[in-house]
Every structure is written in structure tokens, then in C-alpha cells.
């Protein structure tokens, strides 16, 4: 990730870089708050460092195509760090969050944009920590954790509509 705004909590560092115009997007402080909430909710006690890059459709599509072989822009991509054996750094990885996709999804799902941004940040950080939703059991665990973390931030359960269907 390119250098950008860096924010830090007591033991976590979050680098935020905007690859698109910042108008209408959350501040770097918001991203840090949401990342910190995810780390705390996952009971991450060790220091952590991560980068969040806010991208446009073109960059989001390229990243998804190059790394996941899917030729479309998606909401959030997680790139967990793979350190060589013996290297101990607090790095946990990078997130790429696609602004147009997150904005469109919030509208389509009838959610406040800020809440959806928070959800995508929490979701991505949990992926960096090893959580996944490949099978139903993993998905239930991850979604329950996301819901608890977001509730602590005053954000409604993002999966409530899906569960009611």
C-alpha cells in the first residue's frame, strides 16, 4: 500500500490511503476506530499494524482479478501478511475497500453508508486475523463476531435482513 495517513491506538497502527477523492468518505480516524474495534472484539492483545486503501472501481476490479481471479470490483479485499520464518513484526496485512461498491451496496441494502463502511472495515480486519466464511459454521462464527463488534459501535446487525428472509 502507498504511504498515507497513519493513525495509532495504544498498540495498533492503521495506515489509511485514499486512491479516490475523499469527498463523502469516512475519515482516517473512523477507519482506525473501526479497525481497533475489530481487533478488540477478536481479542487481539498483541500490537497490530495494517494498511487500508480506499480504491475506485478500476483498481478494485484489477486487484480482485489479479489475486482472486474474479473479474469484477468487490467491496473489500483482505491481504494477510506472510512474514518469513523468524521475522516477528506486528504487521497483519492490507485491506482494499472499493468506495463505489460500498456506496452502492449501502443504498441497495437500505443501510446508512457510514454503517456499511464500518461493517466492511470490521469484516476485512477479521479476515486478516484468520476468520473466514467459506463454510456455514465459519460464516456463523464470523457473522456473530461482526454483529457483536458492530453493536459495540452502535451499529445494527448487518445480517438481520438476510436472517429474516
N, C-alpha and C. Protein backbone atom coordinates (compact mmCIF):
# COMPACT_ATOMS: atom_id res chain seq x y z
N UNK A 1 0.83 -1.17 0.00
CA UNK A 1 0.00 0.00 0.00
C UNK A 1 0.88 1.25 0.00
N UNK A 2 0.44 2.25 -0.68
CA UNK A 2 1.18 3.51 -0.74
C UNK A 2 1.10 4.22 0.60
N UNK A 3 2.10 5.05 0.90
CA UNK A 3 2.05 5.77 2.16
C UNK A 3 0.82 6.67 2.23
N UNK A 4 0.30 6.81 3.40
CA UNK A 4 -0.88 7.64 3.57
C UNK A 4 -0.99 8.09 5.01
N UNK A 5 -2.15 8.51 5.38
CA UNK A 5 -2.40 8.97 6.74
C UNK A 5 -2.25 7.80 7.70
N UNK A 6 -1.50 8.02 8.77
CA UNK A 6 -1.27 6.97 9.75
C UNK A 6 -1.91 7.39 11.06
N UNK A 7 -2.69 6.48 11.64
CA UNK A 7 -3.27 6.74 12.94
C UNK A 7 -2.89 5.59 13.85
N UNK A 8 -2.86 5.83 15.15
CA UNK A 8 -2.43 4.79 16.07
C UNK A 8 -3.24 4.81 17.34
N UNK A 9 -3.47 3.62 17.89
CA UNK A 9 -4.03 3.50 19.22
C UNK A 9 -2.86 3.09 20.11
N UNK A 10 -3.15 2.67 21.32
CA UNK A 10 -2.09 2.30 22.25
C UNK A 10 -1.15 1.25 21.66
N UNK A 11 -1.69 0.28 20.93
CA UNK A 11 -0.83 -0.78 20.42
C UNK A 11 -1.08 -1.11 18.96
N UNK A 12 -1.93 -0.35 18.29
CA UNK A 12 -2.24 -0.64 16.90
C UNK A 12 -1.94 0.56 16.03
N UNK A 13 -1.45 0.27 14.83
CA UNK A 13 -1.19 1.32 13.86
C UNK A 13 -2.00 0.99 12.61
N UNK A 14 -2.75 1.97 12.15
CA UNK A 14 -3.57 1.81 10.96
C UNK A 14 -3.16 2.89 9.96
N UNK A 15 -2.65 2.48 8.82
CA UNK A 15 -2.30 3.39 7.74
C UNK A 15 -3.50 3.47 6.81
N UNK A 16 -3.95 4.67 6.49
CA UNK A 16 -5.09 4.84 5.60
C UNK A 16 -4.64 5.65 4.39
N UNK A 17 -4.95 5.13 3.21
CA UNK A 17 -4.59 5.80 1.96
C UNK A 17 -5.81 5.84 1.07
N UNK A 18 -6.07 7.01 0.51
CA UNK A 18 -7.22 7.19 -0.37
C UNK A 18 -6.74 7.22 -1.82
N UNK A 19 -7.18 6.24 -2.60
CA UNK A 19 -6.88 6.20 -4.02
C UNK A 19 -7.97 6.84 -4.85
N UNK A 20 -8.96 7.42 -4.18
CA UNK A 20 -10.07 8.12 -4.82
C UNK A 20 -10.30 9.42 -4.06
N UNK A 21 -11.12 10.30 -4.63
CA UNK A 21 -11.45 11.55 -3.96
C UNK A 21 -12.11 11.25 -2.61
N UNK A 22 -11.73 12.00 -1.60
CA UNK A 22 -12.20 11.73 -0.24
C UNK A 22 -13.59 12.28 0.06
N UNK A 23 -14.14 13.05 -0.82
CA UNK A 23 -15.45 13.66 -0.59
C UNK A 23 -16.50 12.60 -0.27
N UNK A 24 -17.15 12.77 0.88
CA UNK A 24 -18.20 11.84 1.28
C UNK A 24 -17.73 10.54 1.88
N UNK A 25 -16.42 10.36 2.00
CA UNK A 25 -15.88 9.12 2.55
C UNK A 25 -15.53 9.30 4.03
N UNK A 26 -15.51 8.21 4.79
CA UNK A 26 -15.13 8.32 6.20
C UNK A 26 -13.69 8.82 6.35
N UNK A 27 -13.41 9.42 7.50
CA UNK A 27 -12.07 9.91 7.80
C UNK A 27 -11.15 8.77 8.22
N UNK A 28 -9.86 9.03 8.19
CA UNK A 28 -8.90 8.03 8.64
C UNK A 28 -9.14 7.67 10.11
N UNK A 29 -9.60 8.63 10.90
CA UNK A 29 -9.90 8.35 12.31
C UNK A 29 -11.04 7.35 12.45
N UNK A 30 -12.03 7.44 11.57
CA UNK A 30 -13.12 6.47 11.59
C UNK A 30 -12.61 5.08 11.26
N UNK A 31 -11.79 4.97 10.23
CA UNK A 31 -11.24 3.66 9.87
C UNK A 31 -10.43 3.07 11.03
N UNK A 32 -9.65 3.92 11.71
CA UNK A 32 -8.87 3.43 12.84
C UNK A 32 -9.79 2.94 13.95
N UNK A 33 -10.82 3.70 14.24
CA UNK A 33 -11.76 3.31 15.29
C UNK A 33 -12.39 1.96 14.97
N UNK A 34 -12.80 1.78 13.72
CA UNK A 34 -13.44 0.51 13.34
C UNK A 34 -12.44 -0.64 13.36
N UNK A 35 -11.23 -0.41 12.90
CA UNK A 35 -10.20 -1.45 12.95
C UNK A 35 -9.87 -1.81 14.39
N UNK A 36 -9.73 -0.81 15.25
CA UNK A 36 -9.47 -1.06 16.67
C UNK A 36 -10.59 -1.88 17.30
N UNK A 37 -11.83 -1.56 16.95
CA UNK A 37 -12.98 -2.31 17.48
C UNK A 37 -12.92 -3.76 17.04
N UNK A 38 -12.56 -4.00 15.79
CA UNK A 38 -12.45 -5.38 15.28
C UNK A 38 -11.34 -6.13 16.02
N UNK A 39 -10.21 -5.49 16.19
CA UNK A 39 -9.08 -6.13 16.89
C UNK A 39 -9.45 -6.45 18.33
N UNK A 40 -10.11 -5.51 19.00
CA UNK A 40 -10.53 -5.74 20.39
C UNK A 40 -11.59 -6.84 20.46
N UNK A 41 -12.55 -6.79 19.55
CA UNK A 41 -13.62 -7.79 19.53
C UNK A 41 -13.11 -9.19 19.27
N UNK A 42 -12.02 -9.30 18.50
CA UNK A 42 -11.41 -10.59 18.22
C UNK A 42 -10.40 -10.97 19.30
N UNK A 43 -10.32 -10.12 20.33
CA UNK A 43 -9.42 -10.33 21.46
C UNK A 43 -7.94 -10.37 21.06
N UNK A 44 -7.61 -9.52 20.09
CA UNK A 44 -6.21 -9.37 19.67
C UNK A 44 -5.50 -8.54 20.73
N UNK A 45 -4.61 -9.16 21.50
CA UNK A 45 -3.91 -8.47 22.57
C UNK A 45 -2.55 -7.95 22.14
N UNK A 46 -1.98 -8.58 21.12
CA UNK A 46 -0.67 -8.15 20.63
C UNK A 46 -0.83 -6.90 19.76
N UNK A 47 0.24 -6.10 19.67
CA UNK A 47 0.18 -4.95 18.76
C UNK A 47 -0.11 -5.42 17.33
N UNK A 48 -0.78 -4.57 16.58
CA UNK A 48 -1.11 -4.90 15.20
C UNK A 48 -0.88 -3.67 14.33
N UNK A 49 -0.44 -3.92 13.11
CA UNK A 49 -0.28 -2.85 12.12
C UNK A 49 -0.90 -3.33 10.83
N UNK A 50 -1.69 -2.45 10.22
CA UNK A 50 -2.32 -2.79 8.95
C UNK A 50 -2.49 -1.53 8.11
N UNK A 51 -2.72 -1.75 6.83
CA UNK A 51 -2.96 -0.64 5.90
C UNK A 51 -4.34 -0.82 5.29
N UNK A 52 -5.04 0.29 5.14
CA UNK A 52 -6.33 0.30 4.47
C UNK A 52 -6.22 1.27 3.30
N UNK A 53 -6.51 0.78 2.11
CA UNK A 53 -6.51 1.64 0.92
C UNK A 53 -7.93 1.69 0.38
N UNK A 54 -8.43 2.90 0.20
CA UNK A 54 -9.75 3.09 -0.37
C UNK A 54 -9.55 3.25 -1.88
N UNK A 55 -10.17 2.36 -2.65
CA UNK A 55 -9.93 2.31 -4.09
C UNK A 55 -11.20 2.60 -4.88
N UNK A 56 -11.00 2.88 -6.16
CA UNK A 56 -12.10 3.04 -7.10
C UNK A 56 -12.40 1.71 -7.78
N UNK A 57 -13.37 1.73 -8.67
CA UNK A 57 -13.80 0.51 -9.34
C UNK A 57 -12.69 -0.13 -10.15
N UNK A 58 -11.94 0.67 -10.90
CA UNK A 58 -10.89 0.12 -11.76
C UNK A 58 -9.83 -0.62 -10.93
N UNK A 59 -9.34 0.02 -9.87
CA UNK A 59 -8.32 -0.62 -9.03
C UNK A 59 -8.89 -1.82 -8.29
N UNK A 60 -10.13 -1.70 -7.80
CA UNK A 60 -10.76 -2.81 -7.11
C UNK A 60 -10.94 -4.02 -8.02
N UNK A 61 -11.34 -3.76 -9.25
CA UNK A 61 -11.50 -4.86 -10.21
C UNK A 61 -10.16 -5.51 -10.53
N UNK A 62 -9.12 -4.68 -10.73
CA UNK A 62 -7.80 -5.23 -11.03
C UNK A 62 -7.28 -6.10 -9.89
N UNK A 63 -7.41 -5.62 -8.68
CA UNK A 63 -6.95 -6.40 -7.52
C UNK A 63 -7.71 -7.71 -7.39
N UNK A 64 -9.02 -7.66 -7.55
CA UNK A 64 -9.83 -8.87 -7.44
C UNK A 64 -9.49 -9.85 -8.55
N UNK A 65 -9.26 -9.34 -9.75
CA UNK A 65 -8.89 -10.20 -10.88
C UNK A 65 -7.52 -10.82 -10.67
N UNK A 66 -6.54 -9.99 -10.27
CA UNK A 66 -5.16 -10.47 -10.14
C UNK A 66 -4.97 -11.43 -8.97
N UNK A 67 -5.70 -11.22 -7.88
CA UNK A 67 -5.46 -12.02 -6.68
C UNK A 67 -6.52 -13.08 -6.41
N UNK A 68 -7.72 -12.91 -6.98
CA UNK A 68 -8.78 -13.89 -6.72
C UNK A 68 -9.35 -14.47 -8.01
N UNK A 69 -8.82 -14.03 -9.15
CA UNK A 69 -9.28 -14.49 -10.46
C UNK A 69 -10.77 -14.26 -10.68
N UNK A 70 -11.27 -13.13 -10.13
CA UNK A 70 -12.67 -12.74 -10.32
C UNK A 70 -12.66 -11.36 -10.95
N UNK A 71 -13.25 -11.24 -12.12
CA UNK A 71 -13.12 -10.03 -12.93
C UNK A 71 -14.23 -9.00 -12.65
N UNK A 72 -14.30 -8.56 -11.41
CA UNK A 72 -15.24 -7.50 -11.02
C UNK A 72 -14.72 -6.87 -9.73
N UNK A 73 -15.16 -5.66 -9.48
CA UNK A 73 -14.80 -4.99 -8.22
C UNK A 73 -15.69 -5.53 -7.12
N UNK A 74 -15.11 -5.80 -5.97
CA UNK A 74 -15.87 -6.27 -4.81
C UNK A 74 -15.72 -5.28 -3.67
N UNK A 75 -16.48 -5.44 -2.61
CA UNK A 75 -16.50 -4.45 -1.54
C UNK A 75 -15.18 -4.36 -0.78
N UNK A 76 -14.65 -5.47 -0.30
CA UNK A 76 -13.41 -5.43 0.47
C UNK A 76 -12.56 -6.65 0.12
N UNK A 77 -11.28 -6.39 -0.03
CA UNK A 77 -10.30 -7.46 -0.25
C UNK A 77 -9.32 -7.42 0.91
N UNK A 78 -8.97 -8.59 1.40
CA UNK A 78 -8.04 -8.71 2.52
C UNK A 78 -6.80 -9.44 2.05
N UNK A 79 -5.65 -8.89 2.44
CA UNK A 79 -4.36 -9.47 2.07
C UNK A 79 -3.57 -9.70 3.35
N UNK A 80 -3.76 -10.86 4.00
CA UNK A 80 -2.99 -11.14 5.22
C UNK A 80 -1.50 -11.19 4.91
N UNK A 81 -0.71 -10.69 5.82
CA UNK A 81 0.74 -10.68 5.63
C UNK A 81 1.29 -12.09 5.77
N UNK A 82 2.31 -12.39 4.99
CA UNK A 82 3.00 -13.67 5.09
C UNK A 82 4.48 -13.36 5.35
N UNK A 83 4.82 -13.29 6.63
CA UNK A 83 6.19 -12.96 7.01
C UNK A 83 7.08 -14.20 6.92
N UNK A 84 8.34 -14.02 6.58
CA UNK A 84 9.27 -15.15 6.54
C UNK A 84 9.46 -15.72 7.96
N UNK A 85 9.79 -16.99 8.05
CA UNK A 85 10.05 -17.60 9.36
C UNK A 85 11.10 -16.80 10.13
N UNK A 86 10.85 -16.61 11.41
CA UNK A 86 11.79 -15.90 12.25
C UNK A 86 11.60 -14.39 12.30
N UNK A 87 10.79 -13.84 11.39
CA UNK A 87 10.53 -12.40 11.38
C UNK A 87 9.28 -12.14 12.22
N UNK A 88 9.46 -11.35 13.26
CA UNK A 88 8.34 -11.04 14.13
C UNK A 88 8.07 -9.54 14.09
N UNK A 89 7.05 -9.18 13.37
CA UNK A 89 6.59 -7.80 13.26
C UNK A 89 5.09 -7.78 13.56
N UNK A 90 4.55 -6.63 13.95
CA UNK A 90 3.12 -6.58 14.25
C UNK A 90 2.23 -6.52 13.01
N UNK A 91 2.81 -6.59 11.81
CA UNK A 91 2.02 -6.49 10.58
C UNK A 91 1.02 -7.62 10.47
N UNK A 92 -0.23 -7.27 10.17
CA UNK A 92 -1.24 -8.32 9.94
C UNK A 92 -1.72 -8.31 8.50
N UNK A 93 -1.50 -7.22 7.76
CA UNK A 93 -1.86 -7.22 6.35
C UNK A 93 -2.47 -5.92 5.87
N UNK A 94 -3.08 -6.00 4.68
CA UNK A 94 -3.65 -4.84 3.99
C UNK A 94 -5.10 -5.12 3.63
N UNK A 95 -5.88 -4.05 3.59
CA UNK A 95 -7.25 -4.10 3.09
C UNK A 95 -7.37 -3.15 1.92
N UNK A 96 -8.14 -3.54 0.93
CA UNK A 96 -8.54 -2.64 -0.16
C UNK A 96 -10.06 -2.61 -0.11
N UNK A 97 -10.61 -1.41 0.11
CA UNK A 97 -12.06 -1.26 0.19
C UNK A 97 -12.49 -0.39 -0.99
N UNK A 98 -13.40 -0.90 -1.80
CA UNK A 98 -13.82 -0.23 -3.03
C UNK A 98 -14.99 0.72 -2.75
N UNK A 99 -14.69 2.01 -2.80
CA UNK A 99 -15.67 3.04 -2.45
C UNK A 99 -16.97 2.95 -3.25
N UNK A 100 -16.92 2.85 -4.58
CA UNK A 100 -18.19 2.80 -5.32
C UNK A 100 -19.03 1.56 -4.98
N UNK A 101 -18.39 0.44 -4.73
CA UNK A 101 -19.13 -0.78 -4.39
C UNK A 101 -19.78 -0.64 -3.02
N UNK A 102 -19.04 -0.15 -2.03
CA UNK A 102 -19.59 0.01 -0.69
C UNK A 102 -20.76 1.00 -0.71
N UNK A 103 -20.60 2.09 -1.42
CA UNK A 103 -21.67 3.10 -1.52
C UNK A 103 -22.91 2.51 -2.18
N UNK A 104 -22.72 1.78 -3.28
CA UNK A 104 -23.84 1.17 -3.99
C UNK A 104 -24.55 0.13 -3.12
N UNK A 105 -23.76 -0.72 -2.44
CA UNK A 105 -24.36 -1.74 -1.59
C UNK A 105 -25.18 -1.13 -0.46
N UNK A 106 -24.66 -0.08 0.15
CA UNK A 106 -25.39 0.57 1.25
C UNK A 106 -26.75 1.04 0.76
N UNK A 107 -26.78 1.65 -0.42
CA UNK A 107 -28.04 2.13 -0.99
C UNK A 107 -28.97 0.96 -1.29
N UNK A 108 -28.45 -0.06 -1.97
CA UNK A 108 -29.27 -1.22 -2.33
C UNK A 108 -29.83 -1.94 -1.11
N UNK A 109 -29.05 -1.98 -0.04
CA UNK A 109 -29.46 -2.71 1.17
C UNK A 109 -30.21 -1.83 2.17
N UNK A 110 -30.38 -0.55 1.83
CA UNK A 110 -31.11 0.36 2.71
C UNK A 110 -30.38 0.63 4.02
N UNK A 111 -29.06 0.64 3.97
CA UNK A 111 -28.25 0.87 5.17
C UNK A 111 -27.62 2.26 5.10
N UNK A 112 -27.33 2.81 6.26
CA UNK A 112 -26.56 4.06 6.29
C UNK A 112 -25.17 3.76 5.74
N UNK A 113 -24.68 4.63 4.88
CA UNK A 113 -23.36 4.41 4.25
C UNK A 113 -22.28 4.24 5.31
N UNK A 114 -22.28 5.09 6.33
CA UNK A 114 -21.25 5.03 7.37
C UNK A 114 -21.27 3.67 8.07
N UNK A 115 -22.45 3.13 8.33
CA UNK A 115 -22.56 1.82 8.98
C UNK A 115 -21.98 0.72 8.08
N UNK A 116 -22.24 0.83 6.78
CA UNK A 116 -21.73 -0.19 5.87
C UNK A 116 -20.20 -0.09 5.75
N UNK A 117 -19.67 1.14 5.75
CA UNK A 117 -18.21 1.30 5.75
C UNK A 117 -17.61 0.65 6.99
N UNK A 118 -18.24 0.87 8.14
CA UNK A 118 -17.75 0.27 9.38
C UNK A 118 -17.78 -1.25 9.27
N UNK A 119 -18.89 -1.79 8.73
CA UNK A 119 -19.01 -3.23 8.59
C UNK A 119 -17.92 -3.80 7.68
N UNK A 120 -17.69 -3.16 6.54
CA UNK A 120 -16.68 -3.67 5.62
C UNK A 120 -15.28 -3.61 6.24
N UNK A 121 -15.01 -2.59 7.06
CA UNK A 121 -13.72 -2.49 7.73
C UNK A 121 -13.57 -3.60 8.76
N UNK A 122 -14.58 -3.79 9.59
CA UNK A 122 -14.54 -4.86 10.59
C UNK A 122 -14.41 -6.22 9.90
N UNK A 123 -15.20 -6.44 8.87
CA UNK A 123 -15.17 -7.70 8.12
C UNK A 123 -13.76 -7.97 7.58
N UNK A 124 -13.17 -6.96 6.96
CA UNK A 124 -11.83 -7.12 6.40
C UNK A 124 -10.77 -7.39 7.45
N UNK A 125 -10.83 -6.68 8.57
CA UNK A 125 -9.85 -6.90 9.64
C UNK A 125 -9.98 -8.32 10.18
N UNK A 126 -11.20 -8.80 10.34
CA UNK A 126 -11.37 -10.19 10.81
C UNK A 126 -10.76 -11.18 9.83
N UNK A 127 -10.89 -10.93 8.54
CA UNK A 127 -10.22 -11.79 7.55
C UNK A 127 -8.70 -11.77 7.77
N UNK A 128 -8.14 -10.60 8.05
CA UNK A 128 -6.70 -10.51 8.29
C UNK A 128 -6.28 -11.34 9.50
N UNK A 129 -7.19 -11.51 10.44
CA UNK A 129 -6.91 -12.28 11.65
C UNK A 129 -7.21 -13.77 11.49
N UNK A 130 -7.64 -14.16 10.28
CA UNK A 130 -7.85 -15.59 10.01
C UNK A 130 -9.29 -16.04 10.00
N UNK A 131 -10.23 -15.16 10.27
CA UNK A 131 -11.64 -15.54 10.21
C UNK A 131 -12.06 -15.64 8.75
N UNK A 132 -13.02 -16.54 8.48
CA UNK A 132 -13.48 -16.71 7.11
C UNK A 132 -14.94 -17.13 7.11
N UNK A 133 -15.52 -17.23 5.94
CA UNK A 133 -16.92 -17.62 5.80
C UNK A 133 -17.09 -18.58 4.64
N UNK A 134 -16.11 -19.46 4.48
CA UNK A 134 -16.15 -20.42 3.37
C UNK A 134 -17.25 -21.46 3.59
N UNK A 135 -17.38 -21.97 4.81
CA UNK A 135 -18.46 -22.91 5.07
C UNK A 135 -19.43 -22.30 6.07
N UNK A 136 -20.58 -22.96 6.26
CA UNK A 136 -21.64 -22.40 7.10
C UNK A 136 -21.21 -22.16 8.55
N UNK A 137 -20.46 -23.09 9.11
CA UNK A 137 -20.02 -22.94 10.51
C UNK A 137 -19.09 -21.75 10.67
N UNK A 138 -18.14 -21.61 9.75
CA UNK A 138 -17.23 -20.46 9.79
C UNK A 138 -18.02 -19.15 9.60
N UNK A 139 -18.95 -19.17 8.68
CA UNK A 139 -19.75 -17.97 8.40
C UNK A 139 -20.54 -17.56 9.65
N UNK A 140 -21.16 -18.52 10.33
CA UNK A 140 -21.92 -18.20 11.53
C UNK A 140 -21.03 -17.59 12.61
N UNK A 141 -19.85 -18.16 12.80
CA UNK A 141 -18.91 -17.65 13.80
C UNK A 141 -18.49 -16.23 13.45
N UNK A 142 -18.09 -16.02 12.19
CA UNK A 142 -17.62 -14.70 11.78
C UNK A 142 -18.74 -13.66 11.84
N UNK A 143 -19.91 -14.01 11.35
CA UNK A 143 -21.04 -13.06 11.35
C UNK A 143 -21.45 -12.70 12.78
N UNK A 144 -21.45 -13.67 13.69
CA UNK A 144 -21.80 -13.38 15.09
C UNK A 144 -20.80 -12.42 15.71
N UNK A 145 -19.52 -12.63 15.42
CA UNK A 145 -18.48 -11.74 15.95
C UNK A 145 -18.63 -10.34 15.35
N UNK A 146 -18.84 -10.27 14.05
CA UNK A 146 -19.05 -8.96 13.40
C UNK A 146 -20.23 -8.23 14.03
N UNK A 147 -21.31 -8.94 14.25
CA UNK A 147 -22.52 -8.34 14.82
C UNK A 147 -22.25 -7.79 16.22
N UNK A 148 -21.51 -8.55 17.05
CA UNK A 148 -21.17 -8.07 18.40
C UNK A 148 -20.28 -6.84 18.35
N UNK A 149 -19.28 -6.86 17.47
CA UNK A 149 -18.37 -5.71 17.35
C UNK A 149 -19.13 -4.48 16.89
N UNK A 150 -19.96 -4.64 15.88
CA UNK A 150 -20.72 -3.50 15.36
C UNK A 150 -21.72 -2.98 16.39
N UNK A 151 -22.32 -3.88 17.18
CA UNK A 151 -23.25 -3.44 18.22
C UNK A 151 -22.53 -2.54 19.23
N UNK A 152 -21.27 -2.88 19.55
CA UNK A 152 -20.49 -2.03 20.47
C UNK A 152 -20.24 -0.65 19.88
N UNK A 153 -20.30 -0.56 18.56
CA UNK A 153 -20.14 0.73 17.87
C UNK A 153 -21.47 1.43 17.64
N UNK A 154 -22.55 0.83 18.12
CA UNK A 154 -23.88 1.42 17.94
C UNK A 154 -24.48 1.17 16.58
N UNK A 155 -24.03 0.11 15.91
CA UNK A 155 -24.49 -0.21 14.55
C UNK A 155 -25.33 -1.48 14.59
N UNK A 156 -26.47 -1.43 13.94
CA UNK A 156 -27.40 -2.56 13.91
C UNK A 156 -26.79 -3.77 13.20
N UNK A 157 -27.34 -4.93 13.50
CA UNK A 157 -26.91 -6.19 12.89
C UNK A 157 -27.03 -6.10 11.37
N UNK A 158 -25.89 -6.16 10.64
CA UNK A 158 -25.95 -6.03 9.19
C UNK A 158 -26.55 -7.25 8.50
N UNK A 159 -26.68 -8.35 9.23
CA UNK A 159 -27.21 -9.58 8.64
C UNK A 159 -28.67 -9.82 9.00
N UNK A 160 -29.29 -8.93 9.76
CA UNK A 160 -30.66 -9.13 10.24
C UNK A 160 -31.63 -9.36 9.10
N UNK A 161 -31.53 -8.60 8.02
CA UNK A 161 -32.43 -8.74 6.89
C UNK A 161 -32.27 -10.11 6.25
N UNK A 162 -31.03 -10.57 6.08
CA UNK A 162 -30.77 -11.87 5.47
C UNK A 162 -31.34 -13.00 6.32
N UNK A 163 -31.26 -12.88 7.64
CA UNK A 163 -31.76 -13.93 8.55
C UNK A 163 -33.27 -13.97 8.56
N UNK A 164 -33.92 -12.82 8.31
CA UNK A 164 -35.38 -12.76 8.34
C UNK A 164 -36.02 -13.33 7.08
N UNK A 165 -35.23 -13.50 6.02
CA UNK A 165 -35.77 -13.98 4.74
C UNK A 165 -36.05 -15.46 4.79
